[in-house]
C-alpha atoms as a PDB file:
ATOM      1  CA  MET A   1      25.301   4.639   6.811  1.00  0.00           C
ATOM      2  CA  ILE A   2      24.337   2.138   4.252  1.00  0.00           C
ATOM      3  CA  ASN A   3      20.491   0.920   4.012  1.00  0.00           C
ATOM      4  CA  ALA A   4      21.085  -3.154   3.960  1.00  0.00           C
ATOM      5  CA  GLU A   5      17.363  -3.394   3.527  1.00  0.00           C
ATOM      6  CA  PRO A   6      16.365  -5.022   0.236  1.00  0.00           C
ATOM      7  CA  LYS A   7      14.389  -2.769  -2.273  1.00  0.00           C
ATOM      8  CA  LEU A   8      11.037  -4.090  -3.531  1.00  0.00           C
ATOM      9  CA  ARG A   9      11.460  -4.441  -7.145  1.00  0.00           C
ATOM     10  CA  PRO A  10       7.737  -5.471  -8.450  1.00  0.00           C
ATOM     11  CA  CYS A  11       7.547  -6.270 -12.363  1.00  0.00           C
ATOM     12  CA  PRO A  12       5.957  -3.073 -13.863  1.00  0.00           C
ATOM     13  CA  GLN A  13       3.187  -4.514 -15.466  1.00  0.00           C
ATOM     14  CA  ILE A  14       1.801  -5.633 -12.064  1.00  0.00           C
ATOM     15  CA  VAL A  15       2.744  -2.815 -10.091  1.00  0.00           C
ATOM     16  CA  SER A  16      -0.490  -1.028 -10.676  1.00  0.00           C
ATOM     17  CA  SER A  17      -2.655  -4.081  -9.559  1.00  0.00           C
ATOM     18  CA  LEU A  18      -0.656  -4.807  -6.256  1.00  0.00           C
ATOM     19  CA  GLU A  19      -2.563  -2.724  -4.284  1.00  0.00           C
ATOM     20  CA  LYS A  20      -6.134  -3.888  -5.408  1.00  0.00           C
ATOM     21  CA  ILE A  21      -5.250  -7.268  -4.682  1.00  0.00           C
ATOM     22  CA  SER A  22      -3.932  -6.372  -0.959  1.00  0.00           C
ATOM     23  CA  GLU A  23      -7.110  -4.377  -0.307  1.00  0.00           C
ATOM     24  CA  GLY A  24      -9.109  -7.270  -1.896  1.00  0.00           C
ATOM     25  CA  LYS A  25     -10.764  -4.779  -4.450  1.00  0.00           C
ATOM     26  CA  ASP A  26     -11.717  -5.898  -7.932  1.00  0.00           C
ATOM     27  CA  THR A  27      -9.657  -9.043  -8.216  1.00  0.00           C
ATOM     28  CA  ASN A  28     -12.171 -10.506 -10.610  1.00  0.00           C
ATOM     29  CA  GLY A  29     -11.642 -10.802 -14.326  1.00  0.00           C
ATOM     30  CA  ILE A  30      -8.956 -12.249 -16.573  1.00  0.00           C
ATOM     31  CA  PHE A  31      -6.198  -9.835 -16.084  1.00  0.00           C
ATOM     32  CA  MET A  32      -6.579 -10.157 -12.666  1.00  0.00           C
ATOM     33  CA  MET A  33      -6.071 -13.874 -12.630  1.00  0.00           C
ATOM     34  CA  TYR A  34      -2.948 -13.223 -14.548  1.00  0.00           C
ATOM     35  CA  VAL A  35      -1.699 -11.280 -12.184  1.00  0.00           C
ATOM     36  CA  LYS A  36      -2.216 -13.407  -9.550  1.00  0.00           C
ATOM     37  CA  ARG A  37      -0.899 -16.352 -11.381  1.00  0.00           C
ATOM     38  CA  HIS A  38       2.267 -14.448 -11.653  1.00  0.00           C
ATOM     39  CA  ILE A  39       2.524 -13.206  -8.259  1.00  0.00           C
ATOM     40  CA  GLU A  40       2.487 -16.615  -6.902  1.00  0.00           C
ATOM     41  CA  LYS A  41       5.499 -17.491  -9.521  1.00  0.00           C
ATOM     42  CA  CYS A  42       7.466 -14.193  -9.415  1.00  0.00           C
ATOM     43  CA  SER A  43       9.059 -13.821  -6.016  1.00  0.00           C
ATOM     44  CA  HIS A  44       9.843 -10.235  -6.438  1.00  0.00           C
ATOM     45  CA  CYS A  45       5.896  -9.380  -6.908  1.00  0.00           C
ATOM     46  CA  ALA A  46       5.028 -11.898  -4.197  1.00  0.00           C
ATOM     47  CA  GLU A  47       7.050  -9.627  -1.657  1.00  0.00           C
ATOM     48  CA  ALA A  48       6.360  -6.580  -2.564  1.00  0.00           C
ATOM     49  CA  LEU A  49       2.632  -7.433  -2.220  1.00  0.00           C
ATOM     50  CA  ASP A  50       3.504  -8.962   1.273  1.00  0.00           C
ATOM     51  CA  ALA A  51       5.073  -5.653   2.183  1.00  0.00           C
ATOM     52  CA  LEU A  52       2.095  -3.735   1.096  1.00  0.00           C
ATOM     53  CA  THR A  53      -0.178  -5.860   2.641  1.00  0.00           C
ATOM     54  CA  CYS A  54       1.912  -5.552   6.190  1.00  0.00           C
ATOM     55  CA  TYR A  55       2.153  -1.638   5.828  1.00  0.00           C
ATOM     56  CA  GLN A  56      -1.365  -1.579   5.337  1.00  0.00           C
ATOM     57  CA  ASP A  57      -2.532  -3.485   8.118  1.00  0.00           C
ATOM     58  CA  ALA A  58       0.393  -1.753  10.532  1.00  0.00           C
ATOM     59  CA  VAL A  59      -1.584   1.632   9.221  1.00  0.00           C
ATOM     60  CA  LYS A  60      -4.850  -0.172   9.672  1.00  0.00           C
ATOM     61  CA  GLN A  61      -3.565  -0.940  13.357  1.00  0.00           C
ATOM     62  CA  ALA A  62      -2.397   2.395  14.265  1.00  0.00           C
ATOM     63  CA  TYR A  63      -5.751   4.130  13.529  1.00  0.00           C
ATOM     64  CA  LYS A  64      -7.842   2.018  15.335  1.00  0.00           C
ATOM     65  CA  GLU A  65      -5.416   2.402  18.629  1.00  0.00           C
ATOM     66  CA  THR A  66      -5.681   6.216  18.103  1.00  0.00           C
ATOM     67  CA  ILE A  67      -9.347   6.028  17.800  1.00  0.00           C
ATOM     68  CA  GLU A  68      -9.706   3.955  20.645  1.00  0.00           C
ATOM     69  CA  GLN A  69      -7.573   5.981  22.569  1.00  0.00           C
ATOM     70  CA  GLY A  70     -10.147   8.965  21.611  1.00  0.00           C
ATOM     71  CA  GLU A  71      -7.134  10.899  19.910  1.00  0.00           C
ATOM     72  CA  LYS A  72      -7.567  12.359  16.750  1.00  0.00           C
ATOM     73  CA  PRO A  73      -5.368  10.447  14.036  1.00  0.00           C
ATOM     74  CA  PHE A  74      -4.422  13.847  12.393  1.00  0.00           C
ATOM     75  CA  THR A  75      -5.050  17.288  12.987  1.00  0.00           C
ATOM     76  CA  ASP A  76      -7.083  20.036  11.019  1.00  0.00           C
ATOM     77  CA  GLN A  77      -3.503  21.503   9.957  1.00  0.00           C
ATOM     78  CA  ASP A  78      -2.932  17.967   8.873  1.00  0.00           C
ATOM     79  CA  LEU A  79      -5.593  18.067   6.378  1.00  0.00           C
ATOM     80  CA  SER A  80      -5.265  21.642   5.312  1.00  0.00           C
ATOM     81  CA  ASN A  81      -1.528  20.834   4.684  1.00  0.00           C
ATOM     82  CA  LEU A  82      -2.482  17.705   2.462  1.00  0.00           C
ATOM     83  CA  LEU A  83      -4.975  19.867   0.571  1.00  0.00           C
ATOM     84  CA  ASP A  84      -2.528  22.117  -0.250  1.00  0.00           C
ATOM     85  CA  SER A  85       0.156  19.850  -1.097  1.00  0.00           C
ATOM     86  CA  ILE A  86      -2.555  18.290  -3.530  1.00  0.00           C
ATOM     87  CA  SER A  87      -3.636  21.135  -5.368  1.00  0.00           C
ATOM     88  CA  LYS A  88      -0.434  22.870  -5.398  1.00  0.00           C
ATOM     89  CA  PRO A  89       1.917  19.933  -7.301  1.00  0.00           C
ATOM     90  CA  ALA A  90       5.291  20.050  -6.948  1.00  0.00           C
END
C-alpha cells in the first residue's frame, strides 16, 4: 500500500526551533525572530509547525481525558521499558 500522505520537509536550519515555537518557549531573541519570519514565508516550515502543534495538542488532550477518567496514562512497566531504552542506546 502506498502512503499518499505528504511528508513534512521543514528547512534543516529551522527544525530544532520548531518545537520551542510550538510550545511557546524561548521565542525571544534575534534568531527566533528570524525563525518566525522564515516560517511565515516558508510553506514547508509552516506545515511542519502546524503538524507539530496539532500532534502536541492531541497528546495533551488524550492525557487529560485519561486522567479525568481515573486511568493511568502509562503503566509502571511502560516507564521501566522507557528507562531501559534510554539507558541502552541502539
